[in-house]
Amino acid sequence: MTYRVCFVCTGNICRSPMAESVFRARVEEAGMAGMVEVDSAGTGGWHEGDGADPRTVSVLAAAGYEGDHAARQFRAAWFARLDLVIALDAGHLKALRRLAPTPEDAAKVRLLRSYDPAAGADLDVPDPYYGGMDGFEECLEMVEAASAGLLAAVQAEVEGRAA
């Protein structure tokens, strides 16, 4: 049974596609590509159908990540097929938990940086959209730092299902 993870930010053109690309690479490196499905969405639909922000694409490419992306809006009906919904900041966390049809679905929503033990108290990945390239680079650093802990958590879940 495939374990499904969806990363969610506001418009699905900066943070969540970046997290999707990085985490997909980690899943592939771990040899779990057939066991874990990774995608992303936005809390809003303003950019539906658009590609990732060119700055996101540039930062990802410079770091060696690949990814083809088309923005889409998260739908409440998706909770039924998802195992984990990863919010990129506290605003997304609240919006997703309000959207969840059941308490069990709301419990599937977690903050990405909660998987980074070095993150401290501030678990938001700042929105780089209105800034320069340095914000996108900082976003990538935060995503990469949290991805190792997230991968370990997902691996444990996948192995628990197989047992």
N, C-alpha and C. Protein backbone atom coordinates (compact mmCIF):
# COMPACT_ATOMS: atom_id res chain seq x y z
N MET A 1 0.84 -1.19 0.00
CA MET A 1 0.00 0.00 0.00
C MET A 1 0.89 1.25 0.00
N THR A 2 0.63 2.14 -0.91
CA THR A 2 1.43 3.36 -1.06
C THR A 2 1.14 4.35 0.06
N TYR A 3 2.20 4.94 0.62
CA TYR A 3 2.10 5.98 1.64
C TYR A 3 2.12 7.31 0.90
N ARG A 4 1.13 8.16 1.16
CA ARG A 4 0.99 9.40 0.39
C ARG A 4 1.20 10.65 1.26
N VAL A 5 2.09 11.52 0.77
CA VAL A 5 2.44 12.77 1.46
C VAL A 5 2.15 13.93 0.53
N CYS A 6 1.50 14.97 1.05
CA CYS A 6 1.23 16.18 0.27
C CYS A 6 1.73 17.39 1.04
N PHE A 7 2.57 18.20 0.39
CA PHE A 7 3.08 19.44 0.98
C PHE A 7 2.17 20.58 0.56
N VAL A 8 1.85 21.48 1.51
CA VAL A 8 0.91 22.55 1.22
C VAL A 8 1.45 23.91 1.69
N CYS A 9 1.44 24.88 0.77
CA CYS A 9 1.72 26.28 1.11
C CYS A 9 0.56 27.12 0.59
N THR A 10 0.76 28.38 0.35
CA THR A 10 -0.35 29.26 -0.03
C THR A 10 -0.76 29.07 -1.48
N GLY A 11 0.15 29.34 -2.42
CA GLY A 11 -0.22 29.31 -3.83
C GLY A 11 0.33 28.13 -4.61
N ASN A 12 1.14 27.29 -3.96
CA ASN A 12 1.72 26.10 -4.58
C ASN A 12 2.66 26.45 -5.74
N ILE A 13 3.42 27.55 -5.56
CA ILE A 13 4.42 27.87 -6.58
C ILE A 13 5.82 28.09 -5.99
N CYS A 14 5.95 28.19 -4.67
CA CYS A 14 7.27 28.44 -4.06
C CYS A 14 7.66 27.32 -3.09
N ARG A 15 7.12 27.41 -1.87
CA ARG A 15 7.56 26.52 -0.80
C ARG A 15 7.14 25.07 -0.98
N SER A 16 5.87 24.83 -1.29
CA SER A 16 5.42 23.44 -1.36
C SER A 16 6.01 22.69 -2.57
N PRO A 17 6.15 23.30 -3.75
CA PRO A 17 6.82 22.54 -4.81
C PRO A 17 8.29 22.29 -4.50
N MET A 18 8.91 23.22 -3.76
CA MET A 18 10.30 23.02 -3.36
C MET A 18 10.38 21.82 -2.41
N ALA A 19 9.49 21.78 -1.43
CA ALA A 19 9.48 20.67 -0.47
C ALA A 19 9.16 19.36 -1.19
N GLU A 20 8.23 19.39 -2.11
CA GLU A 20 7.88 18.19 -2.88
C GLU A 20 9.10 17.66 -3.62
N SER A 21 9.82 18.51 -4.31
CA SER A 21 10.98 18.11 -5.09
C SER A 21 12.08 17.54 -4.20
N VAL A 22 12.38 18.21 -3.11
CA VAL A 22 13.43 17.76 -2.20
C VAL A 22 13.04 16.43 -1.56
N PHE A 23 11.81 16.32 -1.07
CA PHE A 23 11.41 15.10 -0.39
C PHE A 23 11.33 13.93 -1.37
N ARG A 24 10.87 14.18 -2.56
CA ARG A 24 10.83 13.11 -3.57
C ARG A 24 12.24 12.57 -3.82
N ALA A 25 13.23 13.47 -3.89
CA ALA A 25 14.62 13.05 -4.08
C ALA A 25 15.08 12.20 -2.89
N ARG A 26 14.71 12.59 -1.67
CA ARG A 26 15.09 11.82 -0.48
C ARG A 26 14.44 10.43 -0.50
N VAL A 27 13.20 10.37 -0.91
CA VAL A 27 12.47 9.10 -1.00
C VAL A 27 13.16 8.19 -2.02
N GLU A 28 13.54 8.75 -3.16
CA GLU A 28 14.22 7.97 -4.20
C GLU A 28 15.58 7.49 -3.72
N GLU A 29 16.33 8.37 -3.06
CA GLU A 29 17.65 8.00 -2.52
C GLU A 29 17.53 6.85 -1.51
N ALA A 30 16.43 6.82 -0.77
CA ALA A 30 16.21 5.79 0.24
C ALA A 30 15.67 4.49 -0.36
N GLY A 31 15.45 4.49 -1.68
CA GLY A 31 14.93 3.30 -2.35
C GLY A 31 13.46 3.04 -2.07
N MET A 32 12.71 4.10 -1.78
CA MET A 32 11.30 3.96 -1.42
C MET A 32 10.35 4.54 -2.46
N ALA A 33 10.85 4.80 -3.66
CA ALA A 33 10.04 5.46 -4.69
C ALA A 33 8.74 4.73 -4.97
N GLY A 34 8.73 3.43 -4.95
CA GLY A 34 7.50 2.67 -5.22
C GLY A 34 6.56 2.59 -4.04
N MET A 35 7.04 3.00 -2.85
CA MET A 35 6.25 2.88 -1.63
C MET A 35 5.67 4.20 -1.15
N VAL A 36 6.28 5.31 -1.59
CA VAL A 36 5.87 6.63 -1.10
C VAL A 36 5.57 7.54 -2.29
N GLU A 37 4.39 8.13 -2.29
CA GLU A 37 3.99 9.08 -3.32
C GLU A 37 4.05 10.48 -2.72
N VAL A 38 4.65 11.42 -3.45
CA VAL A 38 4.86 12.78 -2.96
C VAL A 38 4.25 13.77 -3.94
N ASP A 39 3.46 14.72 -3.43
CA ASP A 39 2.94 15.79 -4.28
C ASP A 39 2.77 17.05 -3.44
N SER A 40 2.15 18.07 -4.03
CA SER A 40 1.98 19.34 -3.32
C SER A 40 0.75 20.06 -3.83
N ALA A 41 0.33 21.05 -3.05
CA ALA A 41 -0.86 21.85 -3.39
C ALA A 41 -0.79 23.16 -2.62
N GLY A 42 -1.74 24.03 -2.91
CA GLY A 42 -1.84 25.32 -2.22
C GLY A 42 -3.16 25.43 -1.49
N THR A 43 -3.20 26.29 -0.48
CA THR A 43 -4.47 26.52 0.22
C THR A 43 -5.41 27.33 -0.65
N GLY A 44 -4.85 28.07 -1.60
CA GLY A 44 -5.67 28.85 -2.53
C GLY A 44 -5.42 28.41 -3.95
N GLY A 45 -6.30 28.84 -4.84
CA GLY A 45 -6.20 28.41 -6.24
C GLY A 45 -5.73 29.48 -7.19
N TRP A 46 -5.11 30.55 -6.69
CA TRP A 46 -4.73 31.68 -7.54
C TRP A 46 -3.81 31.29 -8.69
N HIS A 47 -2.95 30.30 -8.46
CA HIS A 47 -1.94 29.95 -9.46
C HIS A 47 -2.20 28.61 -10.13
N GLU A 48 -3.41 28.05 -9.97
CA GLU A 48 -3.70 26.73 -10.51
C GLU A 48 -3.29 26.63 -11.97
N GLY A 49 -2.54 25.57 -12.28
CA GLY A 49 -2.07 25.33 -13.63
C GLY A 49 -0.73 25.97 -13.96
N ASP A 50 -0.29 26.92 -13.13
CA ASP A 50 1.00 27.58 -13.36
C ASP A 50 2.15 26.68 -12.93
N GLY A 51 3.31 26.90 -13.53
CA GLY A 51 4.51 26.22 -13.09
C GLY A 51 5.02 26.86 -11.80
N ALA A 52 6.05 26.27 -11.24
CA ALA A 52 6.67 26.83 -10.04
C ALA A 52 7.29 28.19 -10.38
N ASP A 53 7.40 29.04 -9.37
CA ASP A 53 8.05 30.33 -9.51
C ASP A 53 9.45 30.10 -10.10
N PRO A 54 9.87 30.92 -11.07
CA PRO A 54 11.19 30.73 -11.69
C PRO A 54 12.34 30.73 -10.67
N ARG A 55 12.18 31.47 -9.58
CA ARG A 55 13.22 31.48 -8.55
C ARG A 55 13.29 30.14 -7.84
N THR A 56 12.13 29.51 -7.62
CA THR A 56 12.11 28.17 -7.04
C THR A 56 12.81 27.19 -7.97
N VAL A 57 12.47 27.26 -9.24
CA VAL A 57 13.07 26.38 -10.24
C VAL A 57 14.58 26.56 -10.26
N SER A 58 15.02 27.81 -10.24
CA SER A 58 16.45 28.13 -10.29
C SER A 58 17.20 27.58 -9.08
N VAL A 59 16.65 27.80 -7.89
CA VAL A 59 17.30 27.33 -6.65
C VAL A 59 17.34 25.80 -6.62
N LEU A 60 16.25 25.17 -7.03
CA LEU A 60 16.21 23.70 -7.06
C LEU A 60 17.23 23.15 -8.06
N ALA A 61 17.27 23.73 -9.26
CA ALA A 61 18.19 23.26 -10.29
C ALA A 61 19.65 23.44 -9.84
N ALA A 62 19.95 24.56 -9.21
CA ALA A 62 21.32 24.81 -8.74
C ALA A 62 21.74 23.79 -7.69
N ALA A 63 20.79 23.27 -6.95
CA ALA A 63 21.08 22.28 -5.90
C ALA A 63 20.97 20.84 -6.42
N GLY A 64 20.65 20.69 -7.71
CA GLY A 64 20.61 19.37 -8.31
C GLY A 64 19.28 18.65 -8.24
N TYR A 65 18.22 19.37 -7.93
CA TYR A 65 16.89 18.76 -7.85
C TYR A 65 16.15 18.93 -9.17
N GLU A 66 15.33 17.95 -9.46
CA GLU A 66 14.49 18.00 -10.65
C GLU A 66 13.04 18.15 -10.22
N GLY A 67 12.22 18.51 -11.16
CA GLY A 67 10.80 18.57 -10.84
C GLY A 67 10.01 19.32 -11.88
N ASP A 68 8.97 18.68 -12.33
CA ASP A 68 8.01 19.30 -13.22
C ASP A 68 6.81 19.63 -12.35
N HIS A 69 6.26 20.81 -12.48
CA HIS A 69 5.24 21.22 -11.53
C HIS A 69 4.12 22.01 -12.19
N ALA A 70 2.91 21.75 -11.74
CA ALA A 70 1.74 22.56 -12.09
C ALA A 70 0.97 22.78 -10.80
N ALA A 71 0.77 24.04 -10.45
CA ALA A 71 0.10 24.39 -9.20
C ALA A 71 -1.35 23.92 -9.19
N ARG A 72 -1.82 23.59 -7.99
CA ARG A 72 -3.21 23.18 -7.80
C ARG A 72 -3.63 23.52 -6.38
N GLN A 73 -4.92 23.56 -6.16
CA GLN A 73 -5.46 23.89 -4.84
C GLN A 73 -5.81 22.60 -4.10
N PHE A 74 -5.47 22.57 -2.81
CA PHE A 74 -5.78 21.42 -1.96
C PHE A 74 -7.29 21.32 -1.79
N ARG A 75 -7.80 20.11 -1.83
CA ARG A 75 -9.24 19.84 -1.67
C ARG A 75 -9.47 18.96 -0.45
N ALA A 76 -10.52 19.24 0.29
CA ALA A 76 -10.84 18.47 1.49
C ALA A 76 -11.00 16.98 1.19
N ALA A 77 -11.52 16.66 0.04
CA ALA A 77 -11.73 15.25 -0.34
C ALA A 77 -10.42 14.47 -0.41
N TRP A 78 -9.29 15.15 -0.56
CA TRP A 78 -8.00 14.47 -0.67
C TRP A 78 -7.58 13.82 0.64
N PHE A 79 -8.08 14.32 1.76
CA PHE A 79 -7.68 13.75 3.05
C PHE A 79 -7.89 12.24 3.08
N ALA A 80 -8.93 11.76 2.44
CA ALA A 80 -9.24 10.33 2.47
C ALA A 80 -8.13 9.47 1.88
N ARG A 81 -7.39 10.00 0.91
CA ARG A 81 -6.33 9.20 0.28
C ARG A 81 -4.93 9.53 0.78
N LEU A 82 -4.80 10.58 1.58
CA LEU A 82 -3.49 11.00 2.06
C LEU A 82 -3.20 10.44 3.45
N ASP A 83 -1.92 10.14 3.68
CA ASP A 83 -1.49 9.68 4.99
C ASP A 83 -0.92 10.82 5.82
N LEU A 84 -0.32 11.80 5.15
CA LEU A 84 0.32 12.90 5.83
C LEU A 84 0.20 14.16 4.98
N VAL A 85 -0.21 15.26 5.61
CA VAL A 85 -0.33 16.55 4.94
C VAL A 85 0.64 17.49 5.65
N ILE A 86 1.62 17.97 4.92
CA ILE A 86 2.69 18.77 5.51
C ILE A 86 2.48 20.24 5.19
N ALA A 87 2.19 21.03 6.22
CA ALA A 87 2.00 22.47 6.09
C ALA A 87 3.35 23.17 6.21
N LEU A 88 3.52 24.25 5.44
CA LEU A 88 4.78 24.96 5.46
C LEU A 88 4.82 26.09 6.49
N ASP A 89 3.66 26.53 6.99
CA ASP A 89 3.66 27.49 8.09
C ASP A 89 2.38 27.33 8.91
N ALA A 90 2.33 28.03 10.03
CA ALA A 90 1.21 27.88 10.97
C ALA A 90 -0.13 28.29 10.35
N GLY A 91 -0.12 29.25 9.45
CA GLY A 91 -1.36 29.64 8.77
C GLY A 91 -1.92 28.51 7.92
N HIS A 92 -1.04 27.81 7.23
CA HIS A 92 -1.47 26.66 6.42
C HIS A 92 -1.97 25.55 7.33
N LEU A 93 -1.28 25.34 8.44
CA LEU A 93 -1.67 24.31 9.40
C LEU A 93 -3.11 24.53 9.87
N LYS A 94 -3.41 25.77 10.27
CA LYS A 94 -4.76 26.10 10.74
C LYS A 94 -5.79 25.93 9.63
N ALA A 95 -5.48 26.44 8.44
CA ALA A 95 -6.42 26.34 7.32
C ALA A 95 -6.71 24.89 6.97
N LEU A 96 -5.69 24.07 6.95
CA LEU A 96 -5.86 22.65 6.60
C LEU A 96 -6.64 21.90 7.67
N ARG A 97 -6.35 22.19 8.92
CA ARG A 97 -7.09 21.51 10.00
C ARG A 97 -8.56 21.91 10.00
N ARG A 98 -8.85 23.17 9.66
CA ARG A 98 -10.26 23.60 9.54
C ARG A 98 -10.95 22.90 8.37
N LEU A 99 -10.21 22.65 7.31
CA LEU A 99 -10.74 22.02 6.10
C LEU A 99 -10.96 20.52 6.28
N ALA A 100 -10.25 19.93 7.22
CA ALA A 100 -10.32 18.47 7.42
C ALA A 100 -11.73 18.04 7.80
N PRO A 101 -12.25 17.00 7.12
CA PRO A 101 -13.61 16.54 7.38
C PRO A 101 -13.79 15.85 8.73
N THR A 102 -12.70 15.26 9.27
CA THR A 102 -12.80 14.52 10.53
C THR A 102 -11.61 14.88 11.43
N PRO A 103 -11.72 14.60 12.73
CA PRO A 103 -10.57 14.80 13.62
C PRO A 103 -9.37 13.94 13.20
N GLU A 104 -9.62 12.74 12.67
CA GLU A 104 -8.54 11.88 12.20
C GLU A 104 -7.80 12.53 11.02
N ASP A 105 -8.56 13.17 10.14
CA ASP A 105 -7.94 13.87 9.02
C ASP A 105 -7.14 15.07 9.52
N ALA A 106 -7.67 15.81 10.46
CA ALA A 106 -6.96 16.96 11.01
C ALA A 106 -5.64 16.53 11.65
N ALA A 107 -5.62 15.34 12.24
CA ALA A 107 -4.40 14.83 12.87
C ALA A 107 -3.32 14.47 11.85
N LYS A 108 -3.67 14.35 10.59
CA LYS A 108 -2.70 14.06 9.53
C LYS A 108 -1.86 15.29 9.18
N VAL A 109 -2.27 16.47 9.61
CA VAL A 109 -1.60 17.72 9.23
C VAL A 109 -0.50 18.04 10.23
N ARG A 110 0.71 18.25 9.69
CA ARG A 110 1.87 18.55 10.52
C ARG A 110 2.67 19.68 9.87
N LEU A 111 3.43 20.38 10.68
CA LEU A 111 4.34 21.42 10.16
C LEU A 111 5.65 20.77 9.72
N LEU A 112 6.15 21.15 8.56
CA LEU A 112 7.38 20.57 8.04
C LEU A 112 8.54 20.69 9.02
N ARG A 113 8.74 21.88 9.56
CA ARG A 113 9.92 22.10 10.40
C ARG A 113 9.82 21.40 11.76
N SER A 114 8.67 20.81 12.06
CA SER A 114 8.57 20.02 13.29
C SER A 114 9.43 18.76 13.18
N TYR A 115 9.86 18.43 11.97
CA TYR A 115 10.74 17.27 11.74
C TYR A 115 12.22 17.65 11.78
N ASP A 116 12.53 18.91 12.07
CA ASP A 116 13.91 19.37 12.17
C ASP A 116 14.22 19.69 13.62
N PRO A 117 14.97 18.83 14.31
CA PRO A 117 15.25 19.06 15.73
C PRO A 117 15.98 20.38 16.01
N ALA A 118 16.67 20.92 15.01
CA ALA A 118 17.40 22.18 15.20
C ALA A 118 16.54 23.41 14.94
N ALA A 119 15.27 23.23 14.58
CA ALA A 119 14.41 24.35 14.18
C ALA A 119 14.07 25.28 15.33
N GLY A 120 14.07 24.79 16.54
CA GLY A 120 13.70 25.64 17.66
C GLY A 120 12.20 25.86 17.72
N ALA A 121 11.78 27.01 18.24
CA ALA A 121 10.36 27.28 18.44
C ALA A 121 9.66 27.79 17.18
N ASP A 122 10.40 28.43 16.28
CA ASP A 122 9.78 28.98 15.07
C ASP A 122 9.75 27.90 13.99
N LEU A 123 8.58 27.33 13.77
CA LEU A 123 8.45 26.22 12.83
C LEU A 123 7.95 26.64 11.45
N ASP A 124 7.80 27.92 11.21
CA ASP A 124 7.35 28.39 9.90
C ASP A 124 8.51 28.44 8.91
N VAL A 125 8.22 28.05 7.67
CA VAL A 125 9.14 28.30 6.55
C VAL A 125 8.64 29.62 5.95
N PRO A 126 9.41 30.71 6.06
CA PRO A 126 8.95 32.01 5.57
C PRO A 126 8.66 32.00 4.07
N ASP A 127 7.66 32.74 3.69
CA ASP A 127 7.27 32.85 2.27
C ASP A 127 8.30 33.71 1.55
N PRO A 128 9.02 33.15 0.57
CA PRO A 128 10.04 33.93 -0.13
C PRO A 128 9.50 34.75 -1.30
N TYR A 129 8.23 34.63 -1.62
CA TYR A 129 7.66 35.18 -2.85
C TYR A 129 7.96 36.66 -3.08
N TYR A 130 7.84 37.48 -2.04
CA TYR A 130 8.00 38.93 -2.23
C TYR A 130 9.43 39.42 -2.00
N GLY A 131 10.35 38.49 -1.83
CA GLY A 131 11.74 38.86 -1.58
C GLY A 131 12.65 38.47 -2.73
N GLY A 132 13.92 38.44 -2.41
CA GLY A 132 14.92 38.10 -3.42
C GLY A 132 15.32 36.63 -3.36
N MET A 133 16.35 36.30 -4.11
CA MET A 133 16.82 34.92 -4.21
C MET A 133 17.28 34.37 -2.86
N ASP A 134 17.79 35.24 -1.99
CA ASP A 134 18.25 34.75 -0.69
C ASP A 134 17.13 34.09 0.11
N GLY A 135 15.90 34.58 -0.04
CA GLY A 135 14.76 33.97 0.63
C GLY A 135 14.46 32.58 0.11
N PHE A 136 14.64 32.38 -1.17
CA PHE A 136 14.43 31.07 -1.78
C PHE A 136 15.53 30.10 -1.35
N GLU A 137 16.75 30.61 -1.25
CA GLU A 137 17.86 29.77 -0.80
C GLU A 137 17.67 29.38 0.66
N GLU A 138 17.20 30.32 1.49
CA GLU A 138 16.92 30.02 2.90
C GLU A 138 15.79 28.99 3.00
N CYS A 139 14.79 29.13 2.18
CA CYS A 139 13.67 28.19 2.15
C CYS A 139 14.19 26.78 1.84
N LEU A 140 15.06 26.67 0.84
CA LEU A 140 15.61 25.37 0.48
C LEU A 140 16.40 24.77 1.65
N GLU A 141 17.18 25.58 2.32
CA GLU A 141 17.94 25.09 3.48
C GLU A 141 17.02 24.53 4.55
N MET A 142 15.93 25.23 4.83
CA MET A 142 14.98 24.77 5.85
C MET A 142 14.29 23.48 5.42
N VAL A 143 13.92 23.41 4.16
CA VAL A 143 13.26 22.21 3.62
C VAL A 143 14.21 21.02 3.70
N GLU A 144 15.45 21.23 3.28
CA GLU A 144 16.42 20.13 3.33
C GLU A 144 16.67 19.67 4.76
N ALA A 145 16.77 20.62 5.68
CA ALA A 145 17.04 20.27 7.08
C ALA A 145 15.91 19.43 7.68
N ALA A 146 14.69 19.73 7.31
CA ALA A 146 13.54 19.00 7.86
C ALA A 146 13.30 17.67 7.14
N SER A 147 13.79 17.54 5.93
CA SER A 147 13.49 16.36 5.12
C SER A 147 14.06 15.07 5.70
N ALA A 148 15.21 15.14 6.36
CA ALA A 148 15.80 13.93 6.95
C ALA A 148 14.90 13.37 8.04
N GLY A 149 14.42 14.23 8.93
CA GLY A 149 13.52 13.78 9.99
C GLY A 149 12.19 13.30 9.45
N LEU A 150 11.68 13.98 8.44
CA LEU A 150 10.43 13.56 7.82
C LEU A 150 10.60 12.19 7.17
N LEU A 151 11.71 12.00 6.48
CA LEU A 151 11.96 10.70 5.84
C LEU A 151 12.01 9.59 6.89
N ALA A 152 12.68 9.83 8.00
CA ALA A 152 12.75 8.82 9.06
C ALA A 152 11.35 8.48 9.58
N ALA A 153 10.51 9.49 9.75
CA ALA A 153 9.14 9.27 10.24
C ALA A 153 8.32 8.48 9.22
N VAL A 154 8.45 8.83 7.95
CA VAL A 154 7.71 8.12 6.90
C VAL A 154 8.22 6.68 6.78
N GLN A 155 9.53 6.50 6.84
CA GLN A 155 10.09 5.14 6.79
C GLN A 155 9.52 4.27 7.90
N ALA A 156 9.44 4.83 9.10
CA ALA A 156 8.90 4.07 10.23
C ALA A 156 7.43 3.69 9.98
N GLU A 157 6.66 4.61 9.42
CA GLU A 157 5.26 4.32 9.11
C GLU A 157 5.14 3.23 8.04
N VAL A 158 5.96 3.34 7.00
CA VAL A 158 5.91 2.36 5.91
C VAL A 158 6.33 0.99 6.43
N GLU A 159 7.40 0.95 7.22
CA GLU A 159 7.84 -0.34 7.78
C GLU A 159 6.81 -0.91 8.74
N GLY A 160 6.12 -0.03 9.48
CA GLY A 160 5.07 -0.48 10.40
C GLY A 160 3.91 -1.13 9.67
N ARG A 161 3.62 -0.65 8.49
CA ARG A 161 2.54 -1.23 7.69
C ARG A 161 2.91 -2.60 7.16
N ALA A 162 4.21 -2.76 6.84
CA ALA A 162 4.68 -4.01 6.26
C ALA A 162 4.79 -5.11 7.30
N ALA A 163 4.91 -4.73 8.56
CA ALA A 163 5.09 -5.72 9.63
C ALA A 163 3.81 -6.46 9.97
